[in-house]
Each structure stands twice: as structure tokens, then as C-alpha cells.
Amino acid sequence: MAKKSSHDGDSSPARAGGILGSLATLLEKLGDLAETGQEMRRSGEFETTAGSKPVRGVYGFTIKTGTGNDGIKVEPFGNVHKDNQSGKTVVDEVHEPMVDLFEEQDHLLVVVEMPGIGAEDLKLELEDDILTINAAHGSKKYHKEILLPATFSTEKMTHSCRNGVLEITFKH
């Protein structure tokens, strides 16, 4: 690891070593995750105003690693994103929930975290291999489109929602 220097300039060798050292540490941690098939997640919250009303921003990412051909996958979640037209960061009222997919031998399990949502607040749509989830309860609003690893029919789909955790099972 590089030692810190008393120089304030960004171009000093010690400063560059510090940045490269941090990058090396991140790559080392990602390598460790890939070897053990683990998950790392970071998130945060903030409040701002959009027009005249306050908006709560939630942002984060999950890094999932698997063994074999799965590799490393980074998945963002929250309601903060970059507007494609203006290039500015915007905060939506609708949150993108965190989703996990578990492929089992006889079924696919989709787990979605949506705090404050009950079964009566859900609207699920399935078209071929795309599952669309919409949920709203008071000021809590969620939307997510999920690309499934295969095509499923609604007849082979069951779901339950308890304490803001939605579990959807697709039988093979």
C-alpha cells in the first residue's frame, strides 16, 4: 500500500499511488467476492425538493458474484437516475426495488423488497420472459421490469407478499 505524502498536488507520485492503491483494493475485494460467490451492497438516502414538495431519494447498488459463467453483476436500485435527455440527475417518486432471482431445480424464485407494500397494493404482469411489478401504498410507489431467464405462463406463477417482501414462484 502506498504511503501518504505531505505534498498537496494531485500529480505527485504518492497521490497517484494512493488512487491506484484504492483501485487495487477494490479489484481485490471484487476478486474475493467472485471466488466465494457472495454479494456486496451499498445504499443511502437523502431528502430534497422537487418543485414545491419534498422528495426522498434512495440509491444503491448490489454486486452479485457467482461461480462458473455467472461472473460479476452490478445491479442498481432506488429512485435516483440520470435523465437521458438533459444528462442531469433526477429523483423520481417511484422507487426501483431490489430484486433477487434464485434458480432452483424445479422452480424460479423472485424475491422483491418493497417496504410498506402489502398483497393488496400489487399489480403483476407477465409477458413471455418479462415480469412487470407495480405497487403503491400511500407515498410508497415501486416499479420494476425483470427479464426472466426463460418464458413462463401465468398458470405456473404463484406469489405472496408479507412485510414488504414479495415472493414470486415460477414452476418449471
C-alpha atoms as a PDB file:
ATOM      1  CA  MET A   1       0.000   0.000   0.000  1.00  0.00           C
ATOM      2  CA  ALA A   2       1.310   3.474  -0.868  1.00  0.00           C
ATOM      3  CA  LYS A   3       2.305   5.882   1.905  1.00  0.00           C
ATOM      4  CA  LYS A   4       0.603   9.242   2.117  1.00  0.00           C
ATOM      5  CA  SER A   5       2.732  12.199   1.147  1.00  0.00           C
ATOM      6  CA  SER A   6       2.742  15.682   2.599  1.00  0.00           C
ATOM      7  CA  HIS A   7       2.518  17.080  -0.980  1.00  0.00           C
ATOM      8  CA  ASP A   8      -0.865  18.607  -1.838  1.00  0.00           C
ATOM      9  CA  GLY A   9      -0.545  18.369  -5.645  1.00  0.00           C
ATOM     10  CA  ASP A  10      -2.735  15.792  -7.411  1.00  0.00           C
ATOM     11  CA  SER A  11       0.106  14.825  -9.734  1.00  0.00           C
ATOM     12  CA  SER A  12       2.528  13.647  -7.031  1.00  0.00           C
ATOM     13  CA  PRO A  13       3.677  10.012  -7.303  1.00  0.00           C
ATOM     14  CA  ALA A  14       2.431   9.232  -3.782  1.00  0.00           C
ATOM     15  CA  ARG A  15      -1.012  10.694  -4.597  1.00  0.00           C
ATOM     16  CA  ALA A  16      -1.255   8.628  -7.787  1.00  0.00           C
ATOM     17  CA  GLY A  17      -0.134   5.561  -5.836  1.00  0.00           C
ATOM     18  CA  GLY A  18      -2.911   6.195  -3.306  1.00  0.00           C
ATOM     19  CA  ILE A  19      -5.549   6.270  -6.036  1.00  0.00           C
ATOM     20  CA  LEU A  20      -4.106   3.190  -7.708  1.00  0.00           C
ATOM     21  CA  GLY A  21      -3.856   1.508  -4.319  1.00  0.00           C
ATOM     22  CA  SER A  22      -7.555   2.172  -3.690  1.00  0.00           C
ATOM     23  CA  LEU A  23      -8.419   0.771  -7.116  1.00  0.00           C
ATOM     24  CA  ALA A  24      -6.264  -2.285  -6.436  1.00  0.00           C
ATOM     25  CA  THR A  25      -8.063  -2.798  -3.110  1.00  0.00           C
ATOM     26  CA  LEU A  26     -11.458  -2.611  -4.842  1.00  0.00           C
ATOM     27  CA  LEU A  27     -10.362  -5.087  -7.507  1.00  0.00           C
ATOM     28  CA  GLU A  28      -9.019  -7.405  -4.809  1.00  0.00           C
ATOM     29  CA  LYS A  29     -12.362  -7.301  -2.965  1.00  0.00           C
ATOM     30  CA  LEU A  30     -14.259  -8.000  -6.206  1.00  0.00           C
ATOM     31  CA  GLY A  31     -11.931 -10.946  -6.854  1.00  0.00           C
ATOM     32  CA  ASP A  32     -12.618 -12.289  -3.356  1.00  0.00           C
ATOM     33  CA  LEU A  33     -16.364 -11.950  -3.970  1.00  0.00           C
ATOM     34  CA  ALA A  34     -16.086 -13.766  -7.303  1.00  0.00           C
ATOM     35  CA  GLU A  35     -14.174 -16.653  -5.722  1.00  0.00           C
ATOM     36  CA  THR A  36     -16.694 -17.216  -2.960  1.00  0.00           C
ATOM     37  CA  GLY A  37     -19.927 -16.381  -4.835  1.00  0.00           C
ATOM     38  CA  GLN A  38     -21.012 -13.619  -2.468  1.00  0.00           C
ATOM     39  CA  GLU A  39     -22.910 -10.370  -2.566  1.00  0.00           C
ATOM     40  CA  MET A  40     -21.958  -6.803  -1.621  1.00  0.00           C
ATOM     41  CA  ARG A  41     -24.434  -3.964  -1.371  1.00  0.00           C
ATOM     42  CA  ARG A  42     -24.220  -0.266  -0.614  1.00  0.00           C
ATOM     43  CA  SER A  43     -27.075   2.201  -0.299  1.00  0.00           C
ATOM     44  CA  GLY A  44     -28.038   5.616   1.016  1.00  0.00           C
ATOM     45  CA  GLU A  45     -30.896   8.069   1.403  1.00  0.00           C
ATOM     46  CA  PHE A  46     -31.390  11.829   1.195  1.00  0.00           C
ATOM     47  CA  GLU A  47     -34.227  14.365   1.019  1.00  0.00           C
ATOM     48  CA  THR A  48     -34.582  17.174  -1.497  1.00  0.00           C
ATOM     49  CA  THR A  49     -37.372  19.231  -3.039  1.00  0.00           C
ATOM     50  CA  ALA A  50     -38.834  18.676  -6.487  1.00  0.00           C
ATOM     51  CA  GLY A  51     -40.830  21.765  -7.296  1.00  0.00           C
ATOM     52  CA  SER A  52     -42.694  22.595  -4.098  1.00  0.00           C
ATOM     53  CA  LYS A  53     -42.854  19.198  -2.420  1.00  0.00           C
ATOM     54  CA  PRO A  54     -40.140  17.213  -0.616  1.00  0.00           C
ATOM     55  CA  VAL A  55     -38.879  14.044  -2.299  1.00  0.00           C
ATOM     56  CA  ARG A  56     -36.930  11.267  -0.618  1.00  0.00           C
ATOM     57  CA  GLY A  57     -34.072   9.835  -2.664  1.00  0.00           C
ATOM     58  CA  VAL A  58     -32.945   6.242  -2.206  1.00  0.00           C
ATOM     59  CA  TYR A  59     -29.995   4.896  -4.135  1.00  0.00           C
ATOM     60  CA  GLY A  60     -27.738   1.917  -4.057  1.00  0.00           C
ATOM     61  CA  PHE A  61     -26.223  -0.994  -5.840  1.00  0.00           C
ATOM     62  CA  THR A  62     -25.734  -4.677  -5.330  1.00  0.00           C
ATOM     63  CA  ILE A  63     -22.725  -6.543  -6.670  1.00  0.00           C
ATOM     64  CA  LYS A  64     -23.510 -10.224  -7.069  1.00  0.00           C
ATOM     65  CA  THR A  65     -20.967 -12.827  -7.952  1.00  0.00           C
ATOM     66  CA  GLY A  66     -21.428 -16.434  -8.827  1.00  0.00           C
ATOM     67  CA  THR A  67     -19.319 -19.347  -9.718  1.00  0.00           C
ATOM     68  CA  GLY A  68     -18.792 -20.623 -13.230  1.00  0.00           C
ATOM     69  CA  ASN A  69     -20.140 -18.497 -16.083  1.00  0.00           C
ATOM     70  CA  ASP A  70     -22.243 -16.196 -13.893  1.00  0.00           C
ATOM     71  CA  GLY A  71     -19.401 -13.691 -13.378  1.00  0.00           C
ATOM     72  CA  ILE A  72     -19.891 -10.369 -11.626  1.00  0.00           C
ATOM     73  CA  LYS A  73     -23.178  -8.462 -11.982  1.00  0.00           C
ATOM     74  CA  VAL A  74     -23.793  -4.910 -10.718  1.00  0.00           C
ATOM     75  CA  GLU A  75     -27.470  -4.030 -10.200  1.00  0.00           C
ATOM     76  CA  PRO A  76     -28.572  -0.512  -9.195  1.00  0.00           C
ATOM     77  CA  PHE A  77     -31.754   0.147  -7.206  1.00  0.00           C
ATOM     78  CA  GLY A  78     -33.607   3.159  -5.835  1.00  0.00           C
ATOM     79  CA  ASN A  79     -35.259   6.190  -7.381  1.00  0.00           C
ATOM     80  CA  VAL A  80     -32.216   8.256  -8.377  1.00  0.00           C
ATOM     81  CA  HIS A  81     -31.104   8.086 -12.007  1.00  0.00           C
ATOM     82  CA  LYS A  82     -29.635  10.113 -14.843  1.00  0.00           C
ATOM     83  CA  ASP A  83     -32.111  11.744 -17.242  1.00  0.00           C
ATOM     84  CA  ASN A  84     -31.214  10.660 -20.786  1.00  0.00           C
ATOM     85  CA  GLN A  85     -32.302  13.961 -22.389  1.00  0.00           C
ATOM     86  CA  SER A  86     -30.805  16.521 -20.016  1.00  0.00           C
ATOM     87  CA  GLY A  87     -27.989  14.428 -18.533  1.00  0.00           C
ATOM     88  CA  LYS A  88     -28.947  15.674 -15.060  1.00  0.00           C
ATOM     89  CA  THR A  89     -29.526  13.509 -12.011  1.00  0.00           C
ATOM     90  CA  VAL A  90     -33.224  13.261 -11.145  1.00  0.00           C
ATOM     91  CA  VAL A  91     -35.187  11.806  -8.230  1.00  0.00           C
ATOM     92  CA  ASP A  92     -38.419  10.007  -9.157  1.00  0.00           C
ATOM     93  CA  GLU A  93     -41.361   9.469  -6.843  1.00  0.00           C
ATOM     94  CA  VAL A  94     -41.332   5.832  -7.969  1.00  0.00           C
ATOM     95  CA  HIS A  95     -38.655   3.595  -6.434  1.00  0.00           C
ATOM     96  CA  GLU A  96     -36.944   0.711  -8.171  1.00  0.00           C
ATOM     97  CA  PRO A  97     -36.936  -2.151  -5.646  1.00  0.00           C
ATOM     98  CA  MET A  98     -34.087  -4.558  -5.009  1.00  0.00           C
ATOM     99  CA  VAL A  99     -34.671  -7.942  -6.680  1.00  0.00           C
ATOM    100  CA  ASP A 100     -33.053 -11.354  -6.261  1.00  0.00           C
ATOM    101  CA  LEU A 101     -33.604 -14.348  -8.557  1.00  0.00           C
ATOM    102  CA  PHE A 102     -32.956 -17.877  -7.337  1.00  0.00           C
ATOM    103  CA  GLU A 103     -32.966 -20.655  -9.916  1.00  0.00           C
ATOM    104  CA  GLU A 104     -33.842 -23.938  -8.228  1.00  0.00           C
ATOM    105  CA  GLN A 105     -34.160 -27.364  -9.807  1.00  0.00           C
ATOM    106  CA  ASP A 106     -37.972 -27.300 -10.106  1.00  0.00           C
ATOM    107  CA  HIS A 107     -38.758 -23.568  -9.913  1.00  0.00           C
ATOM    108  CA  LEU A 108     -37.552 -19.984 -10.216  1.00  0.00           C
ATOM    109  CA  LEU A 109     -37.981 -17.798  -7.126  1.00  0.00           C
ATOM    110  CA  VAL A 110     -38.087 -13.996  -7.473  1.00  0.00           C
ATOM    111  CA  VAL A 111     -37.750 -12.028  -4.210  1.00  0.00           C
ATOM    112  CA  VAL A 112     -38.560  -8.307  -4.271  1.00  0.00           C
ATOM    113  CA  GLU A 113     -38.090  -5.913  -1.335  1.00  0.00           C
ATOM    114  CA  MET A 114     -40.755  -3.182  -1.186  1.00  0.00           C
ATOM    115  CA  PRO A 115     -41.138  -1.788   2.373  1.00  0.00           C
ATOM    116  CA  GLY A 116     -44.664  -0.621   3.181  1.00  0.00           C
ATOM    117  CA  ILE A 117     -46.353  -2.725   0.485  1.00  0.00           C
ATOM    118  CA  GLY A 118     -48.975  -5.433   1.058  1.00  0.00           C
ATOM    119  CA  ALA A 119     -50.529  -8.027  -1.267  1.00  0.00           C
ATOM    120  CA  GLU A 120     -53.490  -5.713  -1.997  1.00  0.00           C
ATOM    121  CA  ASP A 121     -51.110  -2.996  -3.278  1.00  0.00           C
ATOM    122  CA  LEU A 122     -49.562  -5.144  -6.057  1.00  0.00           C
ATOM    123  CA  LYS A 123     -50.086  -5.347  -9.788  1.00  0.00           C
ATOM    124  CA  LEU A 124     -48.099  -8.083 -11.570  1.00  0.00           C
ATOM    125  CA  GLU A 125     -47.927  -8.511 -15.340  1.00  0.00           C
ATOM    126  CA  LEU A 126     -46.174 -11.330 -17.175  1.00  0.00           C
ATOM    127  CA  GLU A 127     -45.493 -11.252 -20.895  1.00  0.00           C
ATOM    128  CA  ASP A 128     -43.248 -14.048 -22.173  1.00  0.00           C
ATOM    129  CA  ASP A 129     -39.991 -13.604 -20.220  1.00  0.00           C
ATOM    130  CA  ILE A 130     -40.669 -10.108 -18.829  1.00  0.00           C
ATOM    131  CA  LEU A 131     -42.231  -9.665 -15.403  1.00  0.00           C
ATOM    132  CA  THR A 132     -43.504  -6.160 -14.597  1.00  0.00           C
ATOM    133  CA  ILE A 133     -44.166  -5.215 -10.988  1.00  0.00           C
ATOM    134  CA  ASN A 134     -46.093  -2.100  -9.966  1.00  0.00           C
ATOM    135  CA  ALA A 135     -47.019  -1.367  -6.343  1.00  0.00           C
ATOM    136  CA  ALA A 136     -48.322   1.650  -4.494  1.00  0.00           C
ATOM    137  CA  HIS A 137     -49.448   2.339  -0.950  1.00  0.00           C
ATOM    138  CA  GLY A 138     -49.721   5.958   0.190  1.00  0.00           C
ATOM    139  CA  SER A 139     -46.493   7.729  -0.725  1.00  0.00           C
ATOM    140  CA  LYS A 140     -44.648   4.433  -1.383  1.00  0.00           C
ATOM    141  CA  LYS A 141     -44.531   3.661  -5.107  1.00  0.00           C
ATOM    142  CA  TYR A 142     -42.484   0.959  -6.826  1.00  0.00           C
ATOM    143  CA  HIS A 143     -41.918  -0.159 -10.413  1.00  0.00           C
ATOM    144  CA  LYS A 144     -39.607  -2.814 -11.834  1.00  0.00           C
ATOM    145  CA  GLU A 145     -39.327  -4.758 -15.086  1.00  0.00           C
ATOM    146  CA  ILE A 146     -37.455  -8.026 -14.686  1.00  0.00           C
ATOM    147  CA  LEU A 147     -36.038 -10.096 -17.526  1.00  0.00           C
ATOM    148  CA  LEU A 148     -36.567 -13.710 -16.522  1.00  0.00           C
ATOM    149  CA  PRO A 149     -34.152 -16.448 -17.644  1.00  0.00           C
ATOM    150  CA  ALA A 150     -36.960 -18.276 -19.500  1.00  0.00           C
ATOM    151  CA  THR A 151     -40.521 -17.813 -20.741  1.00  0.00           C
ATOM    152  CA  PHE A 152     -43.223 -18.630 -18.185  1.00  0.00           C
ATOM    153  CA  SER A 153     -47.026 -18.642 -18.182  1.00  0.00           C
ATOM    154  CA  THR A 154     -49.236 -17.077 -15.511  1.00  0.00           C
ATOM    155  CA  GLU A 155     -50.695 -20.541 -14.791  1.00  0.00           C
ATOM    156  CA  LYS A 156     -47.294 -21.607 -13.402  1.00  0.00           C
ATOM    157  CA  MET A 157     -46.882 -18.433 -11.320  1.00  0.00           C
ATOM    158  CA  THR A 158     -47.787 -18.019  -7.629  1.00  0.00           C
ATOM    159  CA  HIS A 159     -46.953 -15.145  -5.298  1.00  0.00           C
ATOM    160  CA  SER A 160     -47.169 -13.998  -1.699  1.00  0.00           C
ATOM    161  CA  CYS A 161     -46.355 -10.697  -0.030  1.00  0.00           C
ATOM    162  CA  ARG A 162     -45.543 -10.403   3.665  1.00  0.00           C
ATOM    163  CA  ASN A 163     -43.987  -7.457   5.491  1.00  0.00           C
ATOM    164  CA  GLY A 164     -42.973  -5.745   2.240  1.00  0.00           C
ATOM    165  CA  VAL A 165     -41.240  -8.826   0.810  1.00  0.00           C
ATOM    166  CA  LEU A 166     -42.806 -10.174  -2.377  1.00  0.00           C
ATOM    167  CA  GLU A 167     -42.005 -13.764  -3.342  1.00  0.00           C
ATOM    168  CA  ILE A 168     -42.997 -14.953  -6.811  1.00  0.00           C
ATOM    169  CA  THR A 169     -42.536 -18.611  -7.743  1.00  0.00           C
ATOM    170  CA  PHE A 170     -42.497 -19.907 -11.315  1.00  0.00           C
ATOM    171  CA  LYS A 171     -42.748 -23.701 -11.684  1.00  0.00           C
ATOM    172  CA  HIS A 172     -40.673 -25.254 -14.491  1.00  0.00           C
END
